[in-house]
Amino acid sequence: MTNATEVDEFLASVDAYYPGSKNKRRDLIESVTKDDQEWRTKSVKKLLNGEEREFYYPGAMALALGKTTVTIRLWERKSYIPKAPYRLPGYTNTSGKQIPGKRVYSREIIEVTIDEFQERNLLGTARVEWKEHHDLTIALYERWKNVLDNTTTTATTA
């Protein structure tokens, strides 16, 4: 019986580490659903065309999709998702270098993105295989464009 217990303990510890590594595996991200509202608490209010609107940093987008902020930035850089349509004002640092403002998303943009990920059962998944979901990129670009067009129209007619 001792041997069986030792084997069970060994096998339990094997799953805790990456193969061939001394680094422990990261915990899996909890399942995310469309109804999760935690990301909505991370807003910043700014003026857009004279109207106060809620904007969200990439961390809120990541939270809404069950990903990390680094992943959201990587997806933008690789053009899997559109670049953030809004940026806060930048500044010039002490050495004279222009620093761009932080990127932000509107609530509508995040909600549209959640809908597209939910439609493909990708919310909270460990990985998105973009080669299998190339239509997702196209859908996001089209839906974001519609949101931005409606925002511009609403702001100019108000």
C-alpha atoms as a PDB file:
ATOM      1  CA  MET A   1       0.000   0.000   0.000  1.00  0.00           C
ATOM      2  CA  THR A   2       2.865   2.361   0.673  1.00  0.00           C
ATOM      3  CA  ASN A   3       4.013   2.117  -2.919  1.00  0.00           C
ATOM      4  CA  ALA A   4       0.549   3.017  -4.231  1.00  0.00           C
ATOM      5  CA  THR A   5       0.437   6.078  -1.965  1.00  0.00           C
ATOM      6  CA  GLU A   6       3.890   7.189  -3.070  1.00  0.00           C
ATOM      7  CA  VAL A   7       2.911   6.779  -6.712  1.00  0.00           C
ATOM      8  CA  ASP A   8      -0.287   8.784  -6.198  1.00  0.00           C
ATOM      9  CA  GLU A   9       1.647  11.585  -4.485  1.00  0.00           C
ATOM     10  CA  PHE A  10       4.217  11.628  -7.274  1.00  0.00           C
ATOM     11  CA  LEU A  11       1.554  11.790  -9.990  1.00  0.00           C
ATOM     12  CA  ALA A  12      -0.244  14.602  -8.174  1.00  0.00           C
ATOM     13  CA  SER A  13       2.978  16.627  -8.038  1.00  0.00           C
ATOM     14  CA  VAL A  14       3.717  16.004 -11.739  1.00  0.00           C
ATOM     15  CA  ASP A  15       0.574  17.896 -12.782  1.00  0.00           C
ATOM     16  CA  ALA A  16       1.624  20.844 -10.618  1.00  0.00           C
ATOM     17  CA  TYR A  17       4.750  21.542 -12.721  1.00  0.00           C
ATOM     18  CA  TYR A  18       5.404  22.189 -16.384  1.00  0.00           C
ATOM     19  CA  PRO A  19       7.051  19.170 -18.050  1.00  0.00           C
ATOM     20  CA  GLY A  20      10.844  19.324 -17.661  1.00  0.00           C
ATOM     21  CA  SER A  21      10.655  22.453 -15.506  1.00  0.00           C
ATOM     22  CA  LYS A  22      10.839  23.474 -11.883  1.00  0.00           C
ATOM     23  CA  ASN A  23       8.183  26.145 -12.505  1.00  0.00           C
ATOM     24  CA  LYS A  24       4.714  25.439 -11.177  1.00  0.00           C
ATOM     25  CA  ARG A  25       1.776  25.559 -13.559  1.00  0.00           C
ATOM     26  CA  ARG A  26      -0.448  28.623 -13.398  1.00  0.00           C
ATOM     27  CA  ASP A  27      -3.986  28.191 -12.171  1.00  0.00           C
ATOM     28  CA  LEU A  28      -6.608  28.006 -14.887  1.00  0.00           C
ATOM     29  CA  ILE A  29      -8.635  31.164 -15.456  1.00  0.00           C
ATOM     30  CA  GLU A  30     -12.105  30.844 -14.044  1.00  0.00           C
ATOM     31  CA  SER A  31     -14.868  30.467 -16.575  1.00  0.00           C
ATOM     32  CA  VAL A  32     -16.168  33.800 -17.822  1.00  0.00           C
ATOM     33  CA  THR A  33     -19.752  34.394 -18.860  1.00  0.00           C
ATOM     34  CA  LYS A  34     -21.380  37.221 -20.746  1.00  0.00           C
ATOM     35  CA  ASP A  35     -23.200  38.270 -17.584  1.00  0.00           C
ATOM     36  CA  ASP A  36     -20.007  38.912 -15.572  1.00  0.00           C
ATOM     37  CA  GLN A  37     -20.091  42.590 -14.645  1.00  0.00           C
ATOM     38  CA  GLU A  38     -16.792  43.101 -12.810  1.00  0.00           C
ATOM     39  CA  TRP A  39     -15.111  44.818 -15.779  1.00  0.00           C
ATOM     40  CA  ARG A  40     -17.769  47.563 -15.696  1.00  0.00           C
ATOM     41  CA  THR A  41     -16.418  48.845 -12.379  1.00  0.00           C
ATOM     42  CA  LYS A  42     -13.072  49.785 -13.973  1.00  0.00           C
ATOM     43  CA  SER A  43     -14.221  52.847 -15.933  1.00  0.00           C
ATOM     44  CA  VAL A  44     -12.809  56.330 -16.290  1.00  0.00           C
ATOM     45  CA  LYS A  45     -15.052  59.254 -17.329  1.00  0.00           C
ATOM     46  CA  LYS A  46     -13.786  61.534 -20.084  1.00  0.00           C
ATOM     47  CA  LEU A  47     -15.285  64.054 -22.497  1.00  0.00           C
ATOM     48  CA  LEU A  48     -15.831  63.008 -26.123  1.00  0.00           C
ATOM     49  CA  ASN A  49     -17.198  65.725 -28.420  1.00  0.00           C
ATOM     50  CA  GLY A  50     -18.389  67.668 -25.373  1.00  0.00           C
ATOM     51  CA  GLU A  51     -20.256  64.683 -23.919  1.00  0.00           C
ATOM     52  CA  GLU A  52     -19.062  62.804 -20.817  1.00  0.00           C
ATOM     53  CA  ARG A  53     -18.567  59.090 -21.615  1.00  0.00           C
ATOM     54  CA  GLU A  54     -17.254  56.037 -19.794  1.00  0.00           C
ATOM     55  CA  PHE A  55     -14.034  54.521 -21.100  1.00  0.00           C
ATOM     56  CA  TYR A  56     -12.153  51.435 -20.040  1.00  0.00           C
ATOM     57  CA  TYR A  57      -8.460  50.547 -20.039  1.00  0.00           C
ATOM     58  CA  PRO A  58      -7.182  47.337 -21.683  1.00  0.00           C
ATOM     59  CA  GLY A  59      -7.328  45.640 -18.271  1.00  0.00           C
ATOM     60  CA  ALA A  60     -11.129  45.896 -18.316  1.00  0.00           C
ATOM     61  CA  MET A  61     -11.235  44.388 -21.822  1.00  0.00           C
ATOM     62  CA  ALA A  62      -8.976  41.585 -20.598  1.00  0.00           C
ATOM     63  CA  LEU A  63     -11.165  40.997 -17.556  1.00  0.00           C
ATOM     64  CA  ALA A  64     -14.294  40.899 -19.711  1.00  0.00           C
ATOM     65  CA  LEU A  65     -12.752  38.261 -22.012  1.00  0.00           C
ATOM     66  CA  GLY A  66     -10.999  36.263 -19.296  1.00  0.00           C
ATOM     67  CA  LYS A  67      -7.529  37.097 -20.658  1.00  0.00           C
ATOM     68  CA  THR A  68      -4.536  39.094 -19.472  1.00  0.00           C
ATOM     69  CA  THR A  69      -3.762  42.688 -20.408  1.00  0.00           C
ATOM     70  CA  VAL A  70      -0.576  41.480 -22.106  1.00  0.00           C
ATOM     71  CA  THR A  71      -2.703  39.229 -24.332  1.00  0.00           C
ATOM     72  CA  ILE A  72      -4.959  42.116 -25.367  1.00  0.00           C
ATOM     73  CA  ARG A  73      -1.926  44.234 -26.312  1.00  0.00           C
ATOM     74  CA  LEU A  74      -0.424  41.318 -28.242  1.00  0.00           C
ATOM     75  CA  TRP A  75      -3.670  40.778 -30.158  1.00  0.00           C
ATOM     76  CA  GLU A  76      -3.706  44.478 -31.079  1.00  0.00           C
ATOM     77  CA  ARG A  77      -0.086  44.365 -32.214  1.00  0.00           C
ATOM     78  CA  LYS A  78      -0.764  41.274 -34.367  1.00  0.00           C
ATOM     79  CA  SER A  79      -4.034  42.832 -35.651  1.00  0.00           C
ATOM     80  CA  TYR A  80      -6.196  39.985 -34.357  1.00  0.00           C
ATOM     81  CA  ILE A  81      -8.387  42.667 -32.812  1.00  0.00           C
ATOM     82  CA  PRO A  82      -8.616  46.300 -33.933  1.00  0.00           C
ATOM     83  CA  LYS A  83      -6.456  48.877 -32.198  1.00  0.00           C
ATOM     84  CA  ALA A  84      -8.119  50.751 -29.364  1.00  0.00           C
ATOM     85  CA  PRO A  85     -10.163  53.479 -31.047  1.00  0.00           C
ATOM     86  CA  TYR A  86      -9.526  56.087 -28.369  1.00  0.00           C
ATOM     87  CA  ARG A  87      -6.445  57.372 -26.570  1.00  0.00           C
ATOM     88  CA  LEU A  88      -6.148  59.676 -23.621  1.00  0.00           C
ATOM     89  CA  PRO A  89      -3.983  62.771 -24.157  1.00  0.00           C
ATOM     90  CA  GLY A  90      -0.244  62.108 -24.185  1.00  0.00           C
ATOM     91  CA  TYR A  91       2.481  64.177 -22.605  1.00  0.00           C
ATOM     92  CA  THR A  92       6.113  65.161 -23.068  1.00  0.00           C
ATOM     93  CA  ASN A  93       8.547  63.733 -20.528  1.00  0.00           C
ATOM     94  CA  THR A  94      11.496  65.590 -19.008  1.00  0.00           C
ATOM     95  CA  SER A  95      13.878  64.571 -21.814  1.00  0.00           C
ATOM     96  CA  GLY A  96      11.504  65.994 -24.437  1.00  0.00           C
ATOM     97  CA  LYS A  97      10.201  62.670 -25.703  1.00  0.00           C
ATOM     98  CA  GLN A  98       6.495  62.585 -26.621  1.00  0.00           C
ATOM     99  CA  ILE A  99       4.710  59.822 -24.663  1.00  0.00           C
ATOM    100  CA  PRO A 100       1.425  58.626 -26.197  1.00  0.00           C
ATOM    101  CA  GLY A 101      -1.704  58.557 -24.058  1.00  0.00           C
ATOM    102  CA  LYS A 102      -3.185  55.364 -22.666  1.00  0.00           C
ATOM    103  CA  ARG A 103      -5.471  53.421 -24.956  1.00  0.00           C
ATOM    104  CA  VAL A 104      -9.098  53.110 -23.883  1.00  0.00           C
ATOM    105  CA  TYR A 105     -12.258  51.381 -25.113  1.00  0.00           C
ATOM    106  CA  SER A 106     -15.887  52.433 -24.895  1.00  0.00           C
ATOM    107  CA  ARG A 107     -18.469  50.271 -23.143  1.00  0.00           C
ATOM    108  CA  GLU A 108     -20.114  49.517 -26.507  1.00  0.00           C
ATOM    109  CA  ILE A 109     -16.831  48.271 -27.988  1.00  0.00           C
ATOM    110  CA  ILE A 110     -16.261  45.879 -25.082  1.00  0.00           C
ATOM    111  CA  GLU A 111     -19.860  44.625 -25.185  1.00  0.00           C
ATOM    112  CA  VAL A 112     -19.624  43.942 -28.938  1.00  0.00           C
ATOM    113  CA  THR A 113     -16.344  42.088 -28.383  1.00  0.00           C
ATOM    114  CA  ILE A 114     -17.899  39.998 -25.609  1.00  0.00           C
ATOM    115  CA  ASP A 115     -20.808  39.118 -27.934  1.00  0.00           C
ATOM    116  CA  GLU A 116     -18.461  37.937 -30.691  1.00  0.00           C
ATOM    117  CA  PHE A 117     -16.354  35.857 -28.294  1.00  0.00           C
ATOM    118  CA  GLN A 118     -19.496  34.421 -26.660  1.00  0.00           C
ATOM    119  CA  GLU A 119     -20.927  33.475 -30.053  1.00  0.00           C
ATOM    120  CA  ARG A 120     -17.816  31.346 -30.685  1.00  0.00           C
ATOM    121  CA  ASN A 121     -17.592  29.966 -27.107  1.00  0.00           C
ATOM    122  CA  LEU A 122     -14.214  31.664 -26.574  1.00  0.00           C
ATOM    123  CA  LEU A 123     -14.908  33.566 -23.344  1.00  0.00           C
ATOM    124  CA  GLY A 124     -12.442  32.475 -20.692  1.00  0.00           C
ATOM    125  CA  THR A 125     -10.797  29.813 -22.851  1.00  0.00           C
ATOM    126  CA  ALA A 126      -7.133  29.129 -22.222  1.00  0.00           C
ATOM    127  CA  ARG A 127      -6.185  29.938 -25.812  1.00  0.00           C
ATOM    128  CA  VAL A 128      -7.718  31.393 -28.967  1.00  0.00           C
ATOM    129  CA  GLU A 129      -6.554  29.655 -32.143  1.00  0.00           C
ATOM    130  CA  TRP A 130      -6.758  32.640 -34.496  1.00  0.00           C
ATOM    131  CA  LYS A 131      -6.160  30.466 -37.573  1.00  0.00           C
ATOM    132  CA  GLU A 132      -9.424  28.703 -36.785  1.00  0.00           C
ATOM    133  CA  HIS A 133     -11.265  31.944 -36.004  1.00  0.00           C
ATOM    134  CA  HIS A 134     -10.123  34.334 -38.739  1.00  0.00           C
ATOM    135  CA  ASP A 135     -13.770  35.327 -39.164  1.00  0.00           C
ATOM    136  CA  LEU A 136     -13.673  36.698 -35.615  1.00  0.00           C
ATOM    137  CA  THR A 137     -11.135  39.343 -36.626  1.00  0.00           C
ATOM    138  CA  ILE A 138     -13.291  40.422 -39.561  1.00  0.00           C
ATOM    139  CA  ALA A 139     -16.441  40.475 -37.424  1.00  0.00           C
ATOM    140  CA  LEU A 140     -14.726  42.586 -34.753  1.00  0.00           C
ATOM    141  CA  TYR A 141     -13.474  45.132 -37.295  1.00  0.00           C
ATOM    142  CA  GLU A 142     -16.974  45.436 -38.832  1.00  0.00           C
ATOM    143  CA  ARG A 143     -18.841  45.645 -35.529  1.00  0.00           C
ATOM    144  CA  TRP A 144     -16.354  48.139 -34.027  1.00  0.00           C
ATOM    145  CA  LYS A 145     -16.690  50.281 -37.150  1.00  0.00           C
ATOM    146  CA  ASN A 146     -20.490  50.271 -36.774  1.00  0.00           C
ATOM    147  CA  VAL A 147     -20.211  51.271 -33.113  1.00  0.00           C
ATOM    148  CA  LEU A 148     -17.788  54.081 -33.939  1.00  0.00           C
ATOM    149  CA  ASP A 149     -19.951  55.312 -36.820  1.00  0.00           C
ATOM    150  CA  ASN A 150     -23.019  55.370 -34.548  1.00  0.00           C
ATOM    151  CA  THR A 151     -21.059  57.184 -31.821  1.00  0.00           C
ATOM    152  CA  THR A 152     -19.858  59.838 -34.257  1.00  0.00           C
ATOM    153  CA  THR A 153     -23.349  60.295 -35.702  1.00  0.00           C
ATOM    154  CA  THR A 154     -24.924  60.562 -32.267  1.00  0.00           C
ATOM    155  CA  ALA A 155     -22.299  63.028 -31.053  1.00  0.00           C
ATOM    156  CA  THR A 156     -22.578  65.299 -34.100  1.00  0.00           C
ATOM    157  CA  THR A 157     -26.394  65.320 -34.216  1.00  0.00           C
ATOM    158  CA  ALA A 158     -26.840  65.916 -30.484  1.00  0.00           C
END
